[in-house]
Amino acid sequence: MGRELTADTAAAARHARFGKLPERIRFEDMAEEVEATPDGGLNAYNPEGSWKYYSCLALDLGL
């Protein structure tokens, strides 16, 4: 008998905490539009300088 009471108490506590879903969030509230390059393109891709950032494990190990 005490076991059923404990289960009911636990079920009531779960229902009190999780019994209602949160309110829906509109898509307009989730999405934000920002400028693609806020710095005006200062950090744009530079093919001539890209060799500086090349990394290869075989070259690092001297193979």
N, C-alpha and C. Protein backbone atom coordinates (compact mmCIF):
# COMPACT_ATOMS: atom_id res chain seq x y z
N MET A 1 0.82 -1.18 0.00
CA MET A 1 0.00 0.00 0.00
C MET A 1 0.87 1.25 0.00
N GLY A 2 1.91 1.24 0.77
CA GLY A 2 2.80 2.38 0.82
C GLY A 2 3.54 2.58 -0.49
N ARG A 3 3.74 1.48 -1.20
CA ARG A 3 4.44 1.57 -2.47
C ARG A 3 3.59 2.32 -3.50
N GLU A 4 2.29 2.08 -3.53
CA GLU A 4 1.40 2.78 -4.45
C GLU A 4 1.33 4.26 -4.11
N LEU A 5 1.33 4.58 -2.84
CA LEU A 5 1.28 5.97 -2.41
C LEU A 5 2.54 6.71 -2.86
N THR A 6 3.70 6.03 -2.74
CA THR A 6 4.95 6.64 -3.18
C THR A 6 4.94 6.87 -4.69
N ALA A 7 4.44 5.93 -5.44
CA ALA A 7 4.37 6.07 -6.89
C ALA A 7 3.44 7.21 -7.27
N ASP A 8 2.30 7.33 -6.56
CA ASP A 8 1.38 8.41 -6.85
C ASP A 8 1.99 9.76 -6.50
N THR A 9 2.71 9.81 -5.41
CA THR A 9 3.35 11.05 -5.00
C THR A 9 4.41 11.46 -6.02
N ALA A 10 5.19 10.48 -6.47
CA ALA A 10 6.21 10.77 -7.47
C ALA A 10 5.57 11.19 -8.79
N ALA A 11 4.49 10.54 -9.17
CA ALA A 11 3.79 10.90 -10.41
C ALA A 11 3.21 12.30 -10.31
N ALA A 12 2.68 12.64 -9.15
CA ALA A 12 2.13 13.98 -8.95
C ALA A 12 3.23 15.04 -9.01
N ALA A 13 4.38 14.73 -8.46
CA ALA A 13 5.51 15.67 -8.50
C ALA A 13 6.00 15.85 -9.94
N ARG A 14 6.09 14.74 -10.71
CA ARG A 14 6.49 14.84 -12.11
C ARG A 14 5.49 15.65 -12.91
N HIS A 15 4.21 15.41 -12.65
CA HIS A 15 3.18 16.13 -13.38
C HIS A 15 3.21 17.63 -13.04
N ALA A 16 3.49 17.95 -11.79
CA ALA A 16 3.57 19.35 -11.39
C ALA A 16 4.75 20.04 -12.07
N ARG A 17 5.85 19.29 -12.27
CA ARG A 17 7.03 19.90 -12.86
C ARG A 17 7.01 19.87 -14.38
N PHE A 18 6.58 18.74 -14.96
CA PHE A 18 6.67 18.56 -16.41
C PHE A 18 5.32 18.40 -17.08
N GLY A 19 4.24 18.66 -16.40
CA GLY A 19 2.91 18.40 -16.94
C GLY A 19 2.49 19.33 -18.06
N LYS A 20 3.16 20.44 -18.24
CA LYS A 20 2.77 21.41 -19.26
C LYS A 20 3.99 21.74 -20.12
N LEU A 21 3.78 21.74 -21.44
CA LEU A 21 4.86 22.10 -22.34
C LEU A 21 5.11 23.61 -22.30
N PRO A 22 6.33 24.03 -22.55
CA PRO A 22 6.60 25.47 -22.60
C PRO A 22 5.91 26.10 -23.80
N GLU A 23 5.74 27.40 -23.75
CA GLU A 23 5.09 28.09 -24.85
C GLU A 23 5.96 28.02 -26.09
N ARG A 24 5.30 28.01 -27.25
CA ARG A 24 6.03 27.95 -28.52
C ARG A 24 6.80 29.23 -28.77
N ILE A 25 7.96 29.07 -29.40
CA ILE A 25 8.77 30.22 -29.81
C ILE A 25 8.58 30.39 -31.30
N ARG A 26 8.22 31.57 -31.72
CA ARG A 26 8.01 31.83 -33.14
C ARG A 26 9.34 31.78 -33.88
N PHE A 27 9.29 31.42 -35.17
CA PHE A 27 10.51 31.35 -35.97
C PHE A 27 11.16 32.72 -36.08
N GLU A 28 10.38 33.77 -36.17
CA GLU A 28 10.93 35.12 -36.27
C GLU A 28 11.75 35.48 -35.04
N ASP A 29 11.38 34.91 -33.89
CA ASP A 29 12.13 35.19 -32.67
C ASP A 29 13.42 34.38 -32.59
N MET A 30 13.49 33.28 -33.35
CA MET A 30 14.68 32.43 -33.32
C MET A 30 15.73 32.88 -34.33
N ALA A 31 15.31 33.43 -35.45
CA ALA A 31 16.24 33.79 -36.52
C ALA A 31 16.67 35.25 -36.37
N GLU A 32 17.93 35.48 -36.69
CA GLU A 32 18.46 36.83 -36.62
C GLU A 32 19.25 37.10 -37.89
N GLU A 33 19.01 38.22 -38.52
CA GLU A 33 19.72 38.57 -39.73
C GLU A 33 20.86 39.51 -39.36
N VAL A 34 22.06 39.14 -39.82
CA VAL A 34 23.24 39.98 -39.59
C VAL A 34 23.99 40.12 -40.91
N GLU A 35 24.79 41.15 -41.01
CA GLU A 35 25.60 41.38 -42.20
C GLU A 35 26.66 40.28 -42.30
N ALA A 36 26.90 39.79 -43.50
CA ALA A 36 27.83 38.68 -43.69
C ALA A 36 29.26 39.07 -43.32
N THR A 37 29.70 40.25 -43.72
CA THR A 37 31.05 40.70 -43.39
C THR A 37 30.96 42.06 -42.71
N PRO A 38 30.86 42.07 -41.40
CA PRO A 38 30.73 43.35 -40.70
C PRO A 38 31.99 44.20 -40.78
N ASP A 39 33.14 43.59 -41.10
CA ASP A 39 34.37 44.37 -41.18
C ASP A 39 34.61 44.94 -42.58
N GLY A 40 33.64 44.80 -43.47
CA GLY A 40 33.77 45.36 -44.81
C GLY A 40 34.66 44.54 -45.72
N GLY A 41 34.91 43.29 -45.40
CA GLY A 41 35.72 42.43 -46.25
C GLY A 41 37.20 42.46 -45.93
N LEU A 42 37.59 42.97 -44.80
CA LEU A 42 39.01 43.02 -44.46
C LEU A 42 39.59 41.63 -44.26
N ASN A 43 38.77 40.69 -43.80
CA ASN A 43 39.24 39.33 -43.55
C ASN A 43 38.81 38.39 -44.67
N ALA A 44 38.70 38.90 -45.88
CA ALA A 44 38.30 38.08 -47.01
C ALA A 44 39.40 37.08 -47.36
N TYR A 45 39.05 36.05 -48.11
CA TYR A 45 40.01 35.03 -48.52
C TYR A 45 41.08 35.64 -49.41
N ASN A 46 42.32 35.35 -49.09
CA ASN A 46 43.45 35.84 -49.86
C ASN A 46 44.22 34.62 -50.36
N PRO A 47 44.08 34.26 -51.64
CA PRO A 47 44.76 33.05 -52.14
C PRO A 47 46.28 33.14 -52.10
N GLU A 48 46.83 34.33 -52.20
CA GLU A 48 48.29 34.47 -52.17
C GLU A 48 48.85 34.27 -50.77
N GLY A 49 48.08 34.57 -49.76
CA GLY A 49 48.56 34.41 -48.40
C GLY A 49 48.08 33.13 -47.74
N SER A 50 47.35 32.29 -48.47
CA SER A 50 46.80 31.09 -47.85
C SER A 50 47.88 30.04 -47.55
N TRP A 51 49.02 30.10 -48.20
CA TRP A 51 50.08 29.12 -47.96
C TRP A 51 50.61 29.21 -46.52
N LYS A 52 50.46 30.36 -45.89
CA LYS A 52 50.96 30.54 -44.53
C LYS A 52 50.22 29.67 -43.52
N TYR A 53 48.98 29.30 -43.85
CA TYR A 53 48.14 28.56 -42.91
C TYR A 53 48.01 27.09 -43.29
N TYR A 54 48.84 26.62 -44.23
CA TYR A 54 48.79 25.23 -44.67
C TYR A 54 49.39 24.36 -43.60
N SER A 55 48.73 23.25 -43.30
CA SER A 55 49.23 22.33 -42.31
C SER A 55 49.07 20.91 -42.82
N CYS A 56 50.12 20.13 -42.70
CA CYS A 56 50.10 18.74 -43.15
C CYS A 56 50.88 17.92 -42.13
N LEU A 57 50.28 16.86 -41.64
CA LEU A 57 50.93 16.04 -40.62
C LEU A 57 52.21 15.41 -41.16
N ALA A 58 52.19 14.96 -42.41
CA ALA A 58 53.39 14.34 -42.99
C ALA A 58 54.54 15.35 -43.04
N LEU A 59 54.25 16.58 -43.40
CA LEU A 59 55.31 17.60 -43.43
C LEU A 59 55.77 17.96 -42.03
N ASP A 60 54.84 17.98 -41.07
CA ASP A 60 55.21 18.28 -39.69
C ASP A 60 56.14 17.21 -39.13
N LEU A 61 55.92 15.95 -39.55
CA LEU A 61 56.76 14.86 -39.05
C LEU A 61 58.04 14.70 -39.87
N GLY A 62 58.17 15.45 -40.95
CA GLY A 62 59.38 15.37 -41.77
C GLY A 62 59.37 14.17 -42.69
N LEU A 63 58.22 13.68 -43.05
CA LEU A 63 58.15 12.50 -43.94
C LEU A 63 58.17 12.89 -45.38
